[in-house]
Amino acid sequence: MFLEYGLTAENANDAMLAAGKNKRSFVFLEPPQNLGSITAADVYRAKSVSEHKAIVKEWARTAWEAWSTHHDTIRAWLPNKALQQARR
């Protein structure tokens, strides 16, 4: 949501909490073979706050990209109402 909708971290968290209220509709998603090129170790090695933020954002982007075959399913889990409220 942060990447696709430009939500702030706080608003994205609120939307995720709202989606979690509907978790009974969640189904197992077969994980991708490759989870992306960035790992927690890359974040750990950041030398500054700005570098840390940049690596975390890139980590999120590559992880989201890795799960691309499931994007439609994941998007469907987020109630439209939650997204609309989070954008405020």
PDB file of N, CA and C in Angstrom:
ATOM      1  N   MET A   1       0.819  -1.183   0.000  1.00  0.00           N
ATOM      2  CA  MET A   1       0.000   0.000   0.000  1.00  0.00           C
ATOM      3  C   MET A   1       0.864   1.248   0.000  1.00  0.00           C
ATOM      4  N   PHE A   2       1.954   1.159   0.708  1.00  0.00           N
ATOM      5  CA  PHE A   2       2.909   2.260   0.729  1.00  0.00           C
ATOM      6  C   PHE A   2       3.440   2.496  -0.678  1.00  0.00           C
ATOM      7  N   LEU A   3       3.805   1.416  -1.368  1.00  0.00           N
ATOM      8  CA  LEU A   3       4.381   1.535  -2.704  1.00  0.00           C
ATOM      9  C   LEU A   3       3.335   1.856  -3.762  1.00  0.00           C
ATOM     10  N   GLU A   4       2.216   1.168  -3.746  1.00  0.00           N
ATOM     11  CA  GLU A   4       1.221   1.325  -4.802  1.00  0.00           C
ATOM     12  C   GLU A   4       0.330   2.544  -4.643  1.00  0.00           C
ATOM     13  N   TYR A   5       0.017   2.896  -3.407  1.00  0.00           N
ATOM     14  CA  TYR A   5      -0.935   3.966  -3.176  1.00  0.00           C
ATOM     15  C   TYR A   5      -0.320   5.211  -2.563  1.00  0.00           C
ATOM     16  N   GLY A   6       0.965   5.159  -2.265  1.00  0.00           N
ATOM     17  CA  GLY A   6       1.638   6.316  -1.706  1.00  0.00           C
ATOM     18  C   GLY A   6       1.196   6.678  -0.296  1.00  0.00           C
ATOM     19  N   LEU A   7       0.705   5.693   0.453  1.00  0.00           N
ATOM     20  CA  LEU A   7       0.269   5.969   1.814  1.00  0.00           C
ATOM     21  C   LEU A   7       1.462   6.222   2.722  1.00  0.00           C
ATOM     22  N   THR A   8       1.246   7.008   3.741  1.00  0.00           N
ATOM     23  CA  THR A   8       2.277   7.161   4.758  1.00  0.00           C
ATOM     24  C   THR A   8       2.399   5.836   5.499  1.00  0.00           C
ATOM     25  N   ALA A   9       3.479   5.659   6.235  1.00  0.00           N
ATOM     26  CA  ALA A   9       3.662   4.420   6.992  1.00  0.00           C
ATOM     27  C   ALA A   9       2.503   4.212   7.963  1.00  0.00           C
ATOM     28  N   GLU A  10       2.080   5.285   8.626  1.00  0.00           N
ATOM     29  CA  GLU A  10       0.975   5.188   9.589  1.00  0.00           C
ATOM     30  C   GLU A  10      -0.329   4.794   8.894  1.00  0.00           C
ATOM     31  N   ASN A  11      -0.625   5.431   7.758  1.00  0.00           N
ATOM     32  CA  ASN A  11      -1.860   5.119   7.045  1.00  0.00           C
ATOM     33  C   ASN A  11      -1.828   3.715   6.452  1.00  0.00           C
ATOM     34  N   ALA A  12      -0.660   3.294   5.978  1.00  0.00           N
ATOM     35  CA  ALA A  12      -0.534   1.930   5.460  1.00  0.00           C
ATOM     36  C   ALA A  12      -0.761   0.926   6.581  1.00  0.00           C
ATOM     37  N   ASN A  13      -0.238   1.205   7.749  1.00  0.00           N
ATOM     38  CA  ASN A  13      -0.448   0.327   8.897  1.00  0.00           C
ATOM     39  C   ASN A  13      -1.932   0.246   9.253  1.00  0.00           C
ATOM     40  N   ASP A  14      -2.619   1.377   9.253  1.00  0.00           N
ATOM     41  CA  ASP A  14      -4.057   1.389   9.545  1.00  0.00           C
ATOM     42  C   ASP A  14      -4.820   0.538   8.531  1.00  0.00           C
ATOM     43  N   ALA A  15      -4.454   0.649   7.264  1.00  0.00           N
ATOM     44  CA  ALA A  15      -5.122  -0.133   6.223  1.00  0.00           C
ATOM     45  C   ALA A  15      -4.837  -1.622   6.400  1.00  0.00           C
ATOM     46  N   MET A  16      -3.615  -1.966   6.785  1.00  0.00           N
ATOM     47  CA  MET A  16      -3.267  -3.371   7.027  1.00  0.00           C
ATOM     48  C   MET A  16      -4.065  -3.923   8.208  1.00  0.00           C
ATOM     49  N   LEU A  17      -4.219  -3.129   9.252  1.00  0.00           N
ATOM     50  CA  LEU A  17      -5.018  -3.568  10.400  1.00  0.00           C
ATOM     51  C   LEU A  17      -6.465  -3.810   9.978  1.00  0.00           C
ATOM     52  N   ALA A  18      -6.993  -2.947   9.131  1.00  0.00           N
ATOM     53  CA  ALA A  18      -8.362  -3.128   8.638  1.00  0.00           C
ATOM     54  C   ALA A  18      -8.463  -4.394   7.794  1.00  0.00           C
ATOM     55  N   ALA A  19      -7.474  -4.645   6.955  1.00  0.00           N
ATOM     56  CA  ALA A  19      -7.473  -5.860   6.138  1.00  0.00           C
ATOM     57  C   ALA A  19      -7.411  -7.092   7.027  1.00  0.00           C
ATOM     58  N   GLY A  20      -6.672  -7.009   8.115  1.00  0.00           N
ATOM     59  CA  GLY A  20      -6.540  -8.133   9.032  1.00  0.00           C
ATOM     60  C   GLY A  20      -7.847  -8.538   9.694  1.00  0.00           C
ATOM     61  N   LYS A  21      -8.786  -7.621   9.745  1.00  0.00           N
ATOM     62  CA  LYS A  21     -10.095  -7.944  10.322  1.00  0.00           C
ATOM     63  C   LYS A  21     -10.859  -8.940   9.448  1.00  0.00           C
ATOM     64  N   ASN A  22     -10.420  -9.070   8.212  1.00  0.00           N
ATOM     65  CA  ASN A  22     -11.060  -9.966   7.256  1.00  0.00           C
ATOM     66  C   ASN A  22     -10.169 -11.182   6.970  1.00  0.00           C
ATOM     67  N   LYS A  23      -9.307 -11.546   7.911  1.00  0.00           N
ATOM     68  CA  LYS A  23      -8.296 -12.567   7.649  1.00  0.00           C
ATOM     69  C   LYS A  23      -8.859 -13.958   7.407  1.00  0.00           C
ATOM     70  N   ARG A  24     -10.093 -14.191   7.730  1.00  0.00           N
ATOM     71  CA  ARG A  24     -10.686 -15.498   7.431  1.00  0.00           C
ATOM     72  C   ARG A  24     -10.768 -15.752   5.930  1.00  0.00           C
ATOM     73  N   SER A  25     -10.739 -14.681   5.149  1.00  0.00           N
ATOM     74  CA  SER A  25     -10.788 -14.848   3.695  1.00  0.00           C
ATOM     75  C   SER A  25      -9.395 -15.083   3.092  1.00  0.00           C
ATOM     76  N   PHE A  26      -8.369 -14.974   3.912  1.00  0.00           N
ATOM     77  CA  PHE A  26      -7.010 -15.172   3.407  1.00  0.00           C
ATOM     78  C   PHE A  26      -6.806 -16.644   3.046  1.00  0.00           C
ATOM     79  N   VAL A  27      -6.068 -16.873   1.996  1.00  0.00           N
ATOM     80  CA  VAL A  27      -5.700 -18.221   1.572  1.00  0.00           C
ATOM     81  C   VAL A  27      -4.183 -18.293   1.480  1.00  0.00           C
ATOM     82  N   PHE A  28      -3.657 -19.507   1.564  1.00  0.00           N
ATOM     83  CA  PHE A  28      -2.214 -19.696   1.439  1.00  0.00           C
ATOM     84  C   PHE A  28      -1.783 -19.321   0.031  1.00  0.00           C
ATOM     85  N   LEU A  29      -0.723 -18.555  -0.054  1.00  0.00           N
ATOM     86  CA  LEU A  29      -0.139 -18.189  -1.339  1.00  0.00           C
ATOM     87  C   LEU A  29       1.196 -18.905  -1.480  1.00  0.00           C
ATOM     88  N   GLU A  30       1.376 -19.587  -2.577  1.00  0.00           N
ATOM     89  CA  GLU A  30       2.635 -20.282  -2.830  1.00  0.00           C
ATOM     90  C   GLU A  30       3.743 -19.234  -2.949  1.00  0.00           C
ATOM     91  N   PRO A  31       4.736 -19.306  -2.078  1.00  0.00           N
ATOM     92  CA  PRO A  31       5.815 -18.311  -2.123  1.00  0.00           C
ATOM     93  C   PRO A  31       6.600 -18.378  -3.435  1.00  0.00           C
ATOM     94  N   PRO A  32       7.102 -17.246  -3.873  1.00  0.00           N
ATOM     95  CA  PRO A  32       7.919 -17.249  -5.085  1.00  0.00           C
ATOM     96  C   PRO A  32       9.256 -17.949  -4.816  1.00  0.00           C
ATOM     97  N   GLN A  33       9.881 -18.435  -5.872  1.00  0.00           N
ATOM     98  CA  GLN A  33      11.177 -19.087  -5.710  1.00  0.00           C
ATOM     99  C   GLN A  33      12.232 -18.095  -5.240  1.00  0.00           C
ATOM    100  N   ASN A  34      12.144 -16.885  -5.733  1.00  0.00           N
ATOM    101  CA  ASN A  34      13.097 -15.842  -5.357  1.00  0.00           C
ATOM    102  C   ASN A  34      12.330 -14.746  -4.630  1.00  0.00           C
ATOM    103  N   LEU A  35      12.739 -14.429  -3.413  1.00  0.00           N
ATOM    104  CA  LEU A  35      12.034 -13.420  -2.614  1.00  0.00           C
ATOM    105  C   LEU A  35      12.540 -12.006  -2.831  1.00  0.00           C
ATOM    106  N   GLY A  36      13.452 -11.831  -3.751  1.00  0.00           N
ATOM    107  CA  GLY A  36      14.004 -10.508  -4.019  1.00  0.00           C
ATOM    108  C   GLY A  36      15.486 -10.479  -3.697  1.00  0.00           C
ATOM    109  N   SER A  37      16.135  -9.464  -4.177  1.00  0.00           N
ATOM    110  CA  SER A  37      17.600  -9.390  -4.062  1.00  0.00           C
ATOM    111  C   SER A  37      18.083  -8.753  -2.764  1.00  0.00           C
ATOM    112  N   ILE A  38      17.190  -8.160  -1.999  1.00  0.00           N
ATOM    113  CA  ILE A  38      17.594  -7.465  -0.775  1.00  0.00           C
ATOM    114  C   ILE A  38      17.104  -8.266   0.427  1.00  0.00           C
ATOM    115  N   THR A  39      17.943  -8.329   1.452  1.00  0.00           N
ATOM    116  CA  THR A  39      17.602  -9.075   2.662  1.00  0.00           C
ATOM    117  C   THR A  39      17.766  -8.186   3.888  1.00  0.00           C
ATOM    118  N   ALA A  40      17.384  -8.732   5.031  1.00  0.00           N
ATOM    119  CA  ALA A  40      17.561  -8.010   6.294  1.00  0.00           C
ATOM    120  C   ALA A  40      19.029  -7.681   6.534  1.00  0.00           C
ATOM    121  N   ALA A  41      19.916  -8.513   6.041  1.00  0.00           N
ATOM    122  CA  ALA A  41      21.349  -8.255   6.205  1.00  0.00           C
ATOM    123  C   ALA A  41      21.759  -6.960   5.506  1.00  0.00           C
ATOM    124  N   ASP A  42      21.161  -6.672   4.366  1.00  0.00           N
ATOM    125  CA  ASP A  42      21.451  -5.416   3.655  1.00  0.00           C
ATOM    126  C   ASP A  42      20.996  -4.216   4.480  1.00  0.00           C
ATOM    127  N   VAL A  43      19.833  -4.335   5.090  1.00  0.00           N
ATOM    128  CA  VAL A  43      19.317  -3.256   5.936  1.00  0.00           C
ATOM    129  C   VAL A  43      20.241  -3.064   7.137  1.00  0.00           C
ATOM    130  N   TYR A  44      20.665  -4.150   7.722  1.00  0.00           N
ATOM    131  CA  TYR A  44      21.555  -4.104   8.885  1.00  0.00           C
ATOM    132  C   TYR A  44      22.852  -3.356   8.580  1.00  0.00           C
ATOM    133  N   ARG A  45      23.339  -3.492   7.376  1.00  0.00           N
ATOM    134  CA  ARG A  45      24.616  -2.863   7.005  1.00  0.00           C
ATOM    135  C   ARG A  45      24.507  -1.374   6.666  1.00  0.00           C
ATOM    136  N   ALA A  46      23.303  -0.829   6.685  1.00  0.00           N
ATOM    137  CA  ALA A  46      23.140   0.602   6.375  1.00  0.00           C
ATOM    138  C   ALA A  46      23.971   1.435   7.341  1.00  0.00           C
ATOM    139  N   LYS A  47      24.588   2.467   6.797  1.00  0.00           N
ATOM    140  CA  LYS A  47      25.501   3.292   7.589  1.00  0.00           C
ATOM    141  C   LYS A  47      24.864   4.578   8.107  1.00  0.00           C
ATOM    142  N   SER A  48      23.662   4.882   7.651  1.00  0.00           N
ATOM    143  CA  SER A  48      22.989   6.106   8.086  1.00  0.00           C
ATOM    144  C   SER A  48      21.482   5.891   8.045  1.00  0.00           C
ATOM    145  N   VAL A  49      20.772   6.810   8.654  1.00  0.00           N
ATOM    146  CA  VAL A  49      19.314   6.724   8.651  1.00  0.00           C
ATOM    147  C   VAL A  49      18.780   6.833   7.223  1.00  0.00           C
ATOM    148  N   SER A  50      19.328   7.746   6.451  1.00  0.00           N
ATOM    149  CA  SER A  50      18.830   7.917   5.082  1.00  0.00           C
ATOM    150  C   SER A  50      19.130   6.680   4.232  1.00  0.00           C
ATOM    151  N   GLU A  51      20.283   6.071   4.422  1.00  0.00           N
ATOM    152  CA  GLU A  51      20.608   4.847   3.693  1.00  0.00           C
ATOM    153  C   GLU A  51      19.675   3.716   4.138  1.00  0.00           C
ATOM    154  N   HIS A  52      19.420   3.638   5.432  1.00  0.00           N
ATOM    155  CA  HIS A  52      18.505   2.625   5.967  1.00  0.00           C
ATOM    156  C   HIS A  52      17.125   2.758   5.331  1.00  0.00           C
ATOM    157  N   LYS A  53      16.602   3.969   5.284  1.00  0.00           N
ATOM    158  CA  LYS A  53      15.287   4.207   4.695  1.00  0.00           C
ATOM    159  C   LYS A  53      15.261   3.806   3.222  1.00  0.00           C
ATOM    160  N   ALA A  54      16.314   4.159   2.497  1.00  0.00           N
ATOM    161  CA  ALA A  54      16.372   3.838   1.071  1.00  0.00           C
ATOM    162  C   ALA A  54      16.421   2.331   0.845  1.00  0.00           C
ATOM    163  N   ILE A  55      17.202   1.634   1.649  1.00  0.00           N
ATOM    164  CA  ILE A  55      17.306   0.182   1.500  1.00  0.00           C
ATOM    165  C   ILE A  55      15.990  -0.498   1.863  1.00  0.00           C
ATOM    166  N   VAL A  56      15.342  -0.046   2.918  1.00  0.00           N
ATOM    167  CA  VAL A  56      14.059  -0.629   3.314  1.00  0.00           C
ATOM    168  C   VAL A  56      13.026  -0.423   2.209  1.00  0.00           C
ATOM    169  N   LYS A  57      13.003   0.746   1.615  1.00  0.00           N
ATOM    170  CA  LYS A  57      12.050   1.017   0.532  1.00  0.00           C
ATOM    171  C   LYS A  57      12.337   0.112  -0.667  1.00  0.00           C
ATOM    172  N   GLU A  58      13.598  -0.056  -1.001  1.00  0.00           N
ATOM    173  CA  GLU A  58      13.962  -0.926  -2.120  1.00  0.00           C
ATOM    174  C   GLU A  58      13.661  -2.387  -1.783  1.00  0.00           C
ATOM    175  N   TRP A  59      13.880  -2.771  -0.525  1.00  0.00           N
ATOM    176  CA  TRP A  59      13.561  -4.125  -0.069  1.00  0.00           C
ATOM    177  C   TRP A  59      12.070  -4.379  -0.253  1.00  0.00           C
ATOM    178  N   ALA A  60      11.252  -3.437   0.152  1.00  0.00           N
ATOM    179  CA  ALA A  60       9.807  -3.575  -0.009  1.00  0.00           C
ATOM    180  C   ALA A  60       9.433  -3.694  -1.483  1.00  0.00           C
ATOM    181  N   ARG A  61      10.048  -2.865  -2.316  1.00  0.00           N
ATOM    182  CA  ARG A  61       9.744  -2.896  -3.750  1.00  0.00           C
ATOM    183  C   ARG A  61      10.095  -4.246  -4.360  1.00  0.00           C
ATOM    184  N   THR A  62      11.287  -4.768  -4.045  1.00  0.00           N
ATOM    185  CA  THR A  62      11.702  -6.036  -4.641  1.00  0.00           C
ATOM    186  C   THR A  62      10.886  -7.211  -4.094  1.00  0.00           C
ATOM    187  N   ALA A  63      10.511  -7.146  -2.824  1.00  0.00           N
ATOM    188  CA  ALA A  63       9.676  -8.207  -2.253  1.00  0.00           C
ATOM    189  C   ALA A  63       8.293  -8.194  -2.904  1.00  0.00           C
ATOM    190  N   TRP A  64       7.712  -7.019  -3.048  1.00  0.00           N
ATOM    191  CA  TRP A  64       6.393  -6.899  -3.688  1.00  0.00           C
ATOM    192  C   TRP A  64       6.463  -7.403  -5.121  1.00  0.00           C
ATOM    193  N   GLU A  65       7.505  -7.053  -5.818  1.00  0.00           N
ATOM    194  CA  GLU A  65       7.704  -7.507  -7.192  1.00  0.00           C
ATOM    195  C   GLU A  65       7.815  -9.039  -7.241  1.00  0.00           C
ATOM    196  N   ALA A  66       8.503  -9.628  -6.268  1.00  0.00           N
ATOM    197  CA  ALA A  66       8.672 -11.078  -6.232  1.00  0.00           C
ATOM    198  C   ALA A  66       7.330 -11.804  -6.104  1.00  0.00           C
ATOM    199  N   TRP A  67       6.390 -11.191  -5.420  1.00  0.00           N
ATOM    200  CA  TRP A  67       5.073 -11.794  -5.218  1.00  0.00           C
ATOM    201  C   TRP A  67       4.070 -11.379  -6.301  1.00  0.00           C
ATOM    202  N   SER A  68       4.530 -10.897  -7.425  1.00  0.00           N
ATOM    203  CA  SER A  68       3.662 -10.309  -8.450  1.00  0.00           C
ATOM    204  C   SER A  68       2.570 -11.251  -8.950  1.00  0.00           C
ATOM    205  N   THR A  69       2.819 -12.553  -8.964  1.00  0.00           N
ATOM    206  CA  THR A  69       1.773 -13.466  -9.440  1.00  0.00           C
ATOM    207  C   THR A  69       0.552 -13.476  -8.513  1.00  0.00           C
ATOM    208  N   HIS A  70       0.723 -12.982  -7.306  1.00  0.00           N
ATOM    209  CA  HIS A  70      -0.374 -12.977  -6.331  1.00  0.00           C
ATOM    210  C   HIS A  70      -0.940 -11.574  -6.068  1.00  0.00           C
ATOM    211  N   HIS A  71      -0.519 -10.593  -6.816  1.00  0.00           N
ATOM    212  CA  HIS A  71      -0.946  -9.218  -6.543  1.00  0.00           C
ATOM    213  C   HIS A  71      -2.468  -9.060  -6.514  1.00  0.00           C
ATOM    214  N   ASP A  72      -3.165  -9.637  -7.476  1.00  0.00           N
ATOM    215  CA  ASP A  72      -4.623  -9.472  -7.513  1.00  0.00           C
ATOM    216  C   ASP A  72      -5.277 -10.048  -6.257  1.00  0.00           C
ATOM    217  N   THR A  73      -4.795 -11.193  -5.799  1.00  0.00           N
ATOM    218  CA  THR A  73      -5.331 -11.810  -4.584  1.00  0.00           C
ATOM    219  C   THR A  73      -5.073 -10.924  -3.375  1.00  0.00           C
ATOM    220  N   ILE A  74      -3.851 -10.437  -3.271  1.00  0.00           N
ATOM    221  CA  ILE A  74      -3.473  -9.596  -2.130  1.00  0.00           C
ATOM    222  C   ILE A  74      -4.281  -8.300  -2.123  1.00  0.00           C
ATOM    223  N   ARG A  75      -4.433  -7.694  -3.280  1.00  0.00           N
ATOM    224  CA  ARG A  75      -5.220  -6.455  -3.355  1.00  0.00           C
ATOM    225  C   ARG A  75      -6.670  -6.681  -2.938  1.00  0.00           C
ATOM    226  N   ALA A  76      -7.200  -7.846  -3.286  1.00  0.00           N
ATOM    227  CA  ALA A  76      -8.603  -8.148  -2.958  1.00  0.00           C
ATOM    228  C   ALA A  76      -8.811  -8.286  -1.452  1.00  0.00           C
ATOM    229  N   TRP A  77      -7.764  -8.572  -0.709  1.00  0.00           N
ATOM    230  CA  TRP A  77      -7.886  -8.709   0.742  1.00  0.00           C
ATOM    231  C   TRP A  77      -8.105  -7.371   1.431  1.00  0.00           C
ATOM    232  N   LEU A  78      -7.769  -6.291   0.785  1.00  0.00           N
ATOM    233  CA  LEU A  78      -7.899  -4.974   1.404  1.00  0.00           C
ATOM    234  C   LEU A  78      -9.258  -4.379   1.075  1.00  0.00           C
ATOM    235  N   PRO A  79     -10.078  -4.212   2.079  1.00  0.00           N
ATOM    236  CA  PRO A  79     -11.386  -3.606   1.820  1.00  0.00           C
ATOM    237  C   PRO A  79     -11.216  -2.185   1.258  1.00  0.00           C
ATOM    238  N   ASN A  80     -11.997  -1.844   0.257  1.00  0.00           N
ATOM    239  CA  ASN A  80     -11.921  -0.502  -0.331  1.00  0.00           C
ATOM    240  C   ASN A  80     -12.132   0.581   0.715  1.00  0.00           C
ATOM    241  N   LYS A  81     -13.016   0.323   1.647  1.00  0.00           N
ATOM    242  CA  LYS A  81     -13.297   1.303   2.701  1.00  0.00           C
ATOM    243  C   LYS A  81     -12.035   1.588   3.516  1.00  0.00           C
ATOM    244  N   ALA A  82     -11.268   0.555   3.824  1.00  0.00           N
ATOM    245  CA  ALA A  82     -10.046   0.734   4.606  1.00  0.00           C
ATOM    246  C   ALA A  82      -9.052   1.584   3.840  1.00  0.00           C
ATOM    247  N   LEU A  83      -8.933   1.342   2.552  1.00  0.00           N
ATOM    248  CA  LEU A  83      -8.000   2.121   1.731  1.00  0.00           C
ATOM    249  C   LEU A  83      -8.447   3.582   1.659  1.00  0.00           C
ATOM    250  N   GLN A  84      -9.720   3.808   1.479  1.00  0.00           N
ATOM    251  CA  GLN A  84     -10.236   5.171   1.400  1.00  0.00           C
ATOM    252  C   GLN A  84      -9.991   5.908   2.706  1.00  0.00           C
ATOM    253  N   GLN A  85     -10.220   5.248   3.835  1.00  0.00           N
ATOM    254  CA  GLN A  85      -9.987   5.876   5.143  1.00  0.00           C
ATOM    255  C   GLN A  85      -8.504   6.141   5.353  1.00  0.00           C
ATOM    256  N   ALA A  86      -7.667   5.229   4.911  1.00  0.00           N
ATOM    257  CA  ALA A  86      -6.228   5.374   5.107  1.00  0.00           C
ATOM    258  C   ALA A  86      -5.663   6.539   4.296  1.00  0.00           C
ATOM    259  N   ARG A  87      -6.282   6.855   3.185  1.00  0.00           N
ATOM    260  CA  ARG A  87      -5.793   7.942   2.324  1.00  0.00           C
ATOM    261  C   ARG A  87      -6.067   9.321   2.917  1.00  0.00           C
ATOM    262  N   ARG A  88      -6.900   9.396   3.907  1.00  0.00           N
ATOM    263  CA  ARG A  88      -7.258  10.697   4.488  1.00  0.00           C
ATOM    264  C   ARG A  88      -6.123  11.286   5.258  1.00  0.00           C
TER     265      ARG A  88
END
